[in-house]
Amino acid sequence: MEKNIILGLLIPFIGTTLGSGMVFFLRREMNVKLQKALLGFASGVMIAASIWSLLMPAIDMAKEAGMIAWIPAAVGFLLGILFLLILDSVIPHLHLDNEKPEGVKTSLKKSTMLVLAVTLHNIPEGMAVGVVFAGLVTDNVLISATGAFALSIGIAIQNFPEGAIISMPLKSQGLSKAKAFGYGTLSGIVEPIAGVITILLTGLIVPVLPYLLAFAAGAMIYVVVEELIPEAQEGEHSNIGTIGVAIGFVLMMILDVALG
């Protein structure tokens, strides 16, 4: 069981690492159309994962525990939104499509703030994987090992293009390929860390599991609505981003339903 949990937590990080490694194979900065498609794809995966892997199990667990089913889902979801809103307001970061930094004022380099922006994305993803594997640790019958791995693999799939999206611009900022790869990989290390923290928290307070599932869903949806979709829809070729959302959503839905 412990080996499965460790593997499950590391799979999304491996996806980010492999994606960051594309900096060694792509000579030029990523094509704008491809970048929009990948941003849309990541959005679709995260939306579907939030629904099938997080919110629906949260509601089912609440019913099983004799709670009012919608309360943990609603409370946890809104707290997840609030949590990311606070992080977004406090942590200095910079998005690819914006020259103006967000968060508190800082003298950090542009490359560092680009990495911090992606790190913000990865926190809720790590929490999402951590909380479903926490369900396995607590022997919750509503979460299966295949379902947990389906979520982990789905997030890894969308982390692959995300790793490339961050490493390629870093190279164009003047960093060497090795440094761009290192920064891209580093942005993903927060995922297994967030996952471990979530598992430990759930182990201490088992009844909080439905709330944590919904919390992770809210945090992921915040990232999608606040950052990923706006970046995918800005400027020309916005329809490509929309197609990416549809493909990512369907793929994650199939993974979760077929393997869950």
Protein backbone atom coordinates (compact mmCIF):
# COMPACT_ATOMS: atom_id res chain seq x y z
CA MET A 1 0.00 0.00 0.00
CA GLU A 2 2.75 2.47 0.95
CA LYS A 3 4.57 1.85 -2.34
CA ASN A 4 1.35 2.47 -4.28
CA ILE A 5 0.78 5.76 -2.44
CA ILE A 6 4.33 6.94 -3.08
CA LEU A 7 4.01 6.03 -6.76
CA GLY A 8 0.62 7.74 -6.99
CA LEU A 9 2.00 10.95 -5.50
CA LEU A 10 5.04 10.92 -7.80
CA ILE A 11 3.23 10.25 -11.10
CA PRO A 12 2.07 13.89 -11.59
CA PHE A 13 5.57 15.13 -10.73
CA ILE A 14 7.02 12.76 -13.32
CA GLY A 15 4.61 14.24 -15.88
CA THR A 16 5.89 17.75 -15.13
CA THR A 17 9.51 16.59 -15.31
CA LEU A 18 9.03 14.87 -18.67
CA GLY A 19 7.26 17.93 -20.04
CA SER A 20 10.04 20.22 -18.84
CA GLY A 21 12.48 17.93 -20.63
CA MET A 22 10.99 18.98 -23.97
CA VAL A 23 13.25 22.03 -23.74
CA PHE A 24 16.08 19.74 -24.89
CA PHE A 25 14.18 18.67 -28.02
CA LEU A 26 12.27 21.76 -29.17
CA ARG A 27 14.47 24.35 -30.80
CA ARG A 28 12.07 27.27 -30.84
CA GLU A 29 9.50 28.70 -28.46
CA MET A 30 6.25 26.76 -28.48
CA ASN A 31 3.77 27.62 -31.24
CA VAL A 32 0.98 29.90 -29.99
CA LYS A 33 -1.77 27.63 -31.33
CA LEU A 34 -0.25 24.60 -29.66
CA GLN A 35 0.18 26.49 -26.42
CA LYS A 36 -3.48 27.52 -26.41
CA ALA A 37 -4.57 23.97 -27.17
CA LEU A 38 -2.48 22.62 -24.29
CA LEU A 39 -3.75 25.25 -21.86
CA GLY A 40 -7.31 24.35 -22.85
CA PHE A 41 -6.51 20.65 -22.50
CA ALA A 42 -5.16 21.19 -18.98
CA SER A 43 -8.33 23.12 -18.11
CA GLY A 44 -10.58 20.32 -19.34
CA VAL A 45 -8.68 17.69 -17.37
CA MET A 46 -8.87 19.74 -14.17
CA ILE A 47 -12.59 20.47 -14.55
CA ALA A 48 -13.45 16.81 -15.11
CA ALA A 49 -11.19 15.70 -12.26
CA SER A 50 -12.84 18.22 -9.95
CA ILE A 51 -16.28 16.79 -10.72
CA TRP A 52 -15.80 13.01 -11.00
CA SER A 53 -12.78 12.47 -8.74
CA LEU A 54 -13.47 15.04 -6.04
CA LEU A 55 -16.94 16.62 -5.77
CA MET A 56 -19.01 13.52 -6.52
CA PRO A 57 -17.08 11.33 -4.03
CA ALA A 58 -17.38 14.14 -1.45
CA ILE A 59 -21.16 14.15 -1.85
CA ASP A 60 -21.37 10.35 -1.71
CA MET A 61 -19.20 10.21 1.43
CA ALA A 62 -21.37 12.81 3.11
CA LYS A 63 -24.47 10.73 2.36
CA GLU A 64 -22.80 7.60 3.72
CA ALA A 65 -21.89 9.46 6.92
CA GLY A 66 -25.46 10.68 7.38
CA MET A 67 -24.56 14.32 6.70
CA ILE A 68 -26.55 16.77 4.60
CA ALA A 69 -24.90 15.81 1.31
CA TRP A 70 -24.32 19.23 -0.18
CA ILE A 71 -22.83 20.92 2.90
CA PRO A 72 -19.28 19.41 2.81
CA ALA A 73 -19.15 19.85 -0.97
CA ALA A 74 -20.27 23.49 -0.85
CA VAL A 75 -18.23 24.51 2.20
CA GLY A 76 -15.07 22.72 1.06
CA PHE A 77 -15.38 24.06 -2.49
CA LEU A 78 -15.72 27.69 -1.37
CA LEU A 79 -12.85 27.31 1.11
CA GLY A 80 -10.68 25.94 -1.71
CA ILE A 81 -11.51 28.97 -3.85
CA LEU A 82 -10.70 31.29 -0.93
CA PHE A 83 -7.41 29.49 -0.22
CA LEU A 84 -6.14 29.94 -3.79
CA LEU A 85 -7.44 33.51 -3.88
CA ILE A 86 -5.29 34.31 -0.83
CA LEU A 87 -2.22 32.55 -2.28
CA ASP A 88 -2.76 34.33 -5.60
CA SER A 89 -2.86 37.68 -3.80
CA VAL A 90 0.18 37.03 -1.59
CA ILE A 91 2.70 35.01 -3.61
CA PRO A 92 4.56 37.07 -6.23
CA HIS A 93 4.16 35.49 -9.67
CA LEU A 94 3.99 36.30 -13.37
CA HIS A 95 1.86 34.78 -16.11
CA LEU A 96 3.08 34.14 -19.65
CA ASP A 97 0.58 36.54 -21.21
CA ASN A 98 1.12 39.38 -18.73
CA GLU A 99 4.13 41.61 -18.18
CA LYS A 100 2.76 42.91 -14.89
CA PRO A 101 3.60 40.75 -11.83
CA GLU A 102 0.84 39.76 -9.41
CA GLY A 103 0.95 39.28 -5.66
CA VAL A 104 3.09 41.29 -3.27
CA LYS A 105 5.78 43.54 -4.72
CA THR A 106 9.17 41.89 -5.01
CA SER A 107 12.54 42.15 -6.69
CA LEU A 108 12.48 38.53 -7.86
CA LYS A 109 13.60 37.77 -11.40
CA LYS A 110 11.01 37.34 -14.13
CA SER A 111 12.00 33.70 -14.59
CA THR A 112 11.48 32.99 -10.88
CA MET A 113 8.01 34.56 -10.92
CA LEU A 114 7.07 32.50 -13.98
CA VAL A 115 7.98 29.36 -12.02
CA LEU A 116 6.00 30.56 -9.00
CA ALA A 117 2.93 31.01 -11.23
CA VAL A 118 3.08 27.35 -12.29
CA THR A 119 3.82 26.30 -8.70
CA LEU A 120 0.53 27.91 -7.68
CA HIS A 121 -1.24 25.73 -10.27
CA ASN A 122 0.38 22.61 -8.89
CA ILE A 123 -0.58 23.05 -5.23
CA PRO A 124 -4.28 22.12 -5.69
CA GLU A 125 -3.31 19.29 -8.07
CA GLY A 126 -1.03 17.81 -5.40
CA MET A 127 -3.79 18.19 -2.82
CA ALA A 128 -6.27 16.47 -5.13
CA VAL A 129 -4.03 13.43 -5.59
CA GLY A 130 -3.17 13.39 -1.89
CA VAL A 131 -6.78 13.44 -0.75
CA VAL A 132 -7.90 10.54 -2.95
CA PHE A 133 -4.98 8.43 -1.77
CA ALA A 134 -5.87 9.48 1.76
CA GLY A 135 -9.21 7.82 1.09
CA LEU A 136 -7.34 4.58 0.40
CA VAL A 137 -5.35 4.93 3.61
CA THR A 138 -8.57 5.28 5.60
CA ASP A 139 -10.11 2.31 3.71
CA ASN A 140 -12.95 4.40 2.33
CA VAL A 141 -15.02 2.12 0.11
CA LEU A 142 -16.01 4.99 -2.18
CA ILE A 143 -12.43 5.47 -3.39
CA SER A 144 -10.71 2.65 -5.26
CA ALA A 145 -7.01 2.24 -6.04
CA THR A 146 -7.75 2.33 -9.77
CA GLY A 147 -9.79 5.52 -9.33
CA ALA A 148 -6.98 7.14 -7.36
CA PHE A 149 -4.44 6.19 -10.01
CA ALA A 150 -6.79 7.41 -12.75
CA LEU A 151 -6.74 10.87 -11.18
CA SER A 152 -2.97 10.75 -10.72
CA ILE A 153 -2.41 9.71 -14.35
CA GLY A 154 -4.90 12.29 -15.63
CA ILE A 155 -3.09 15.11 -13.82
CA ALA A 156 0.27 13.77 -15.04
CA ILE A 157 -1.02 13.89 -18.63
CA GLN A 158 -1.95 17.55 -18.30
CA ASN A 159 1.28 18.27 -16.39
CA PHE A 160 3.33 17.13 -19.38
CA PRO A 161 2.36 20.07 -21.61
CA GLU A 162 2.39 22.37 -18.57
CA GLY A 163 6.03 21.47 -17.95
CA ALA A 164 6.87 22.31 -21.57
CA ILE A 165 4.88 25.55 -21.42
CA ILE A 166 7.02 26.78 -18.52
CA SER A 167 10.46 25.48 -19.60
CA MET A 168 10.33 26.82 -23.16
CA PRO A 169 9.66 30.47 -22.18
CA LEU A 170 12.37 30.24 -19.53
CA LYS A 171 14.82 29.28 -22.25
CA SER A 172 13.65 32.23 -24.33
CA GLN A 173 14.32 34.45 -21.28
CA GLY A 174 18.01 33.60 -21.66
CA LEU A 175 18.35 30.63 -19.32
CA SER A 176 20.33 27.60 -20.46
CA LYS A 177 18.38 24.48 -21.38
CA ALA A 178 19.59 22.77 -18.21
CA LYS A 179 18.43 25.64 -15.98
CA ALA A 180 15.10 25.93 -17.79
CA PHE A 181 14.57 22.20 -17.28
CA GLY A 182 15.56 22.50 -13.62
CA TYR A 183 13.15 25.36 -12.95
CA GLY A 184 10.35 23.58 -14.77
CA THR A 185 10.92 20.42 -12.75
CA LEU A 186 11.16 22.41 -9.52
CA SER A 187 7.71 23.91 -10.14
CA GLY A 188 6.25 20.41 -9.91
CA ILE A 189 7.93 19.30 -6.68
CA VAL A 190 5.20 21.06 -4.71
CA GLU A 191 2.69 18.42 -5.88
CA PRO A 192 3.99 15.40 -3.93
CA ILE A 193 4.68 17.70 -0.96
CA ALA A 194 1.08 18.99 -0.96
CA GLY A 195 -0.11 15.42 -1.38
CA VAL A 196 1.80 14.17 1.66
CA ILE A 197 0.55 17.06 3.80
CA THR A 198 -3.04 16.33 2.75
CA ILE A 199 -2.70 12.62 3.58
CA LEU A 200 -1.28 13.45 7.02
CA LEU A 201 -4.08 15.93 7.68
CA THR A 202 -6.74 13.42 6.69
CA GLY A 203 -5.12 10.77 8.88
CA LEU A 204 -5.49 13.05 11.88
CA ILE A 205 -9.10 14.04 11.18
CA VAL A 206 -10.84 11.28 9.18
CA PRO A 207 -14.33 12.92 9.07
CA VAL A 208 -12.81 15.90 7.23
CA LEU A 209 -12.21 13.82 4.07
CA PRO A 210 -15.37 14.99 2.19
CA TYR A 211 -14.45 18.60 2.95
CA LEU A 212 -10.87 18.10 1.72
CA LEU A 213 -12.08 16.51 -1.51
CA ALA A 214 -14.30 19.50 -2.20
CA PHE A 215 -11.55 21.88 -1.04
CA ALA A 216 -9.16 20.45 -3.65
CA ALA A 217 -11.89 20.75 -6.28
CA GLY A 218 -12.47 24.42 -5.45
CA ALA A 219 -8.75 25.17 -5.57
CA MET A 220 -8.42 23.48 -8.97
CA ILE A 221 -11.44 25.28 -10.42
CA TYR A 222 -9.99 28.59 -9.21
CA VAL A 223 -6.82 27.94 -11.22
CA VAL A 224 -8.86 27.00 -14.30
CA VAL A 225 -11.17 30.02 -14.21
CA GLU A 226 -8.64 32.61 -13.03
CA GLU A 227 -5.63 31.64 -15.12
CA LEU A 228 -5.75 28.73 -17.56
CA ILE A 229 -8.91 29.52 -19.53
CA PRO A 230 -8.20 33.28 -19.80
CA GLU A 231 -4.71 32.50 -21.14
CA ALA A 232 -6.14 29.97 -23.60
CA GLN A 233 -8.82 32.41 -24.82
CA GLU A 234 -6.75 35.59 -25.12
CA GLY A 235 -6.11 36.97 -28.60
CA GLU A 236 -6.58 34.96 -31.78
CA HIS A 237 -7.23 31.23 -32.12
CA SER A 238 -9.38 31.08 -28.97
CA ASN A 239 -11.43 28.28 -30.56
CA ILE A 240 -8.35 26.05 -30.37
CA GLY A 241 -8.28 26.50 -26.60
CA THR A 242 -11.98 25.58 -26.46
CA ILE A 243 -11.35 22.38 -28.43
CA GLY A 244 -8.51 21.60 -26.02
CA VAL A 245 -10.90 21.96 -23.06
CA ALA A 246 -13.34 19.52 -24.66
CA ILE A 247 -10.65 16.91 -25.38
CA GLY A 248 -9.11 17.20 -21.91
CA PHE A 249 -12.52 17.01 -20.21
CA VAL A 250 -13.61 13.91 -22.15
CA LEU A 251 -10.26 12.15 -21.65
CA MET A 252 -10.30 12.69 -17.87
CA MET A 253 -13.98 11.71 -17.67
CA ILE A 254 -13.26 8.45 -19.51
CA LEU A 255 -10.26 7.72 -17.28
CA ASP A 256 -12.23 8.30 -14.12
CA VAL A 257 -15.39 6.46 -15.13
CA ALA A 258 -13.60 3.53 -16.78
CA LEU A 259 -11.00 3.03 -14.05
CA GLY A 260 -12.92 4.38 -11.06
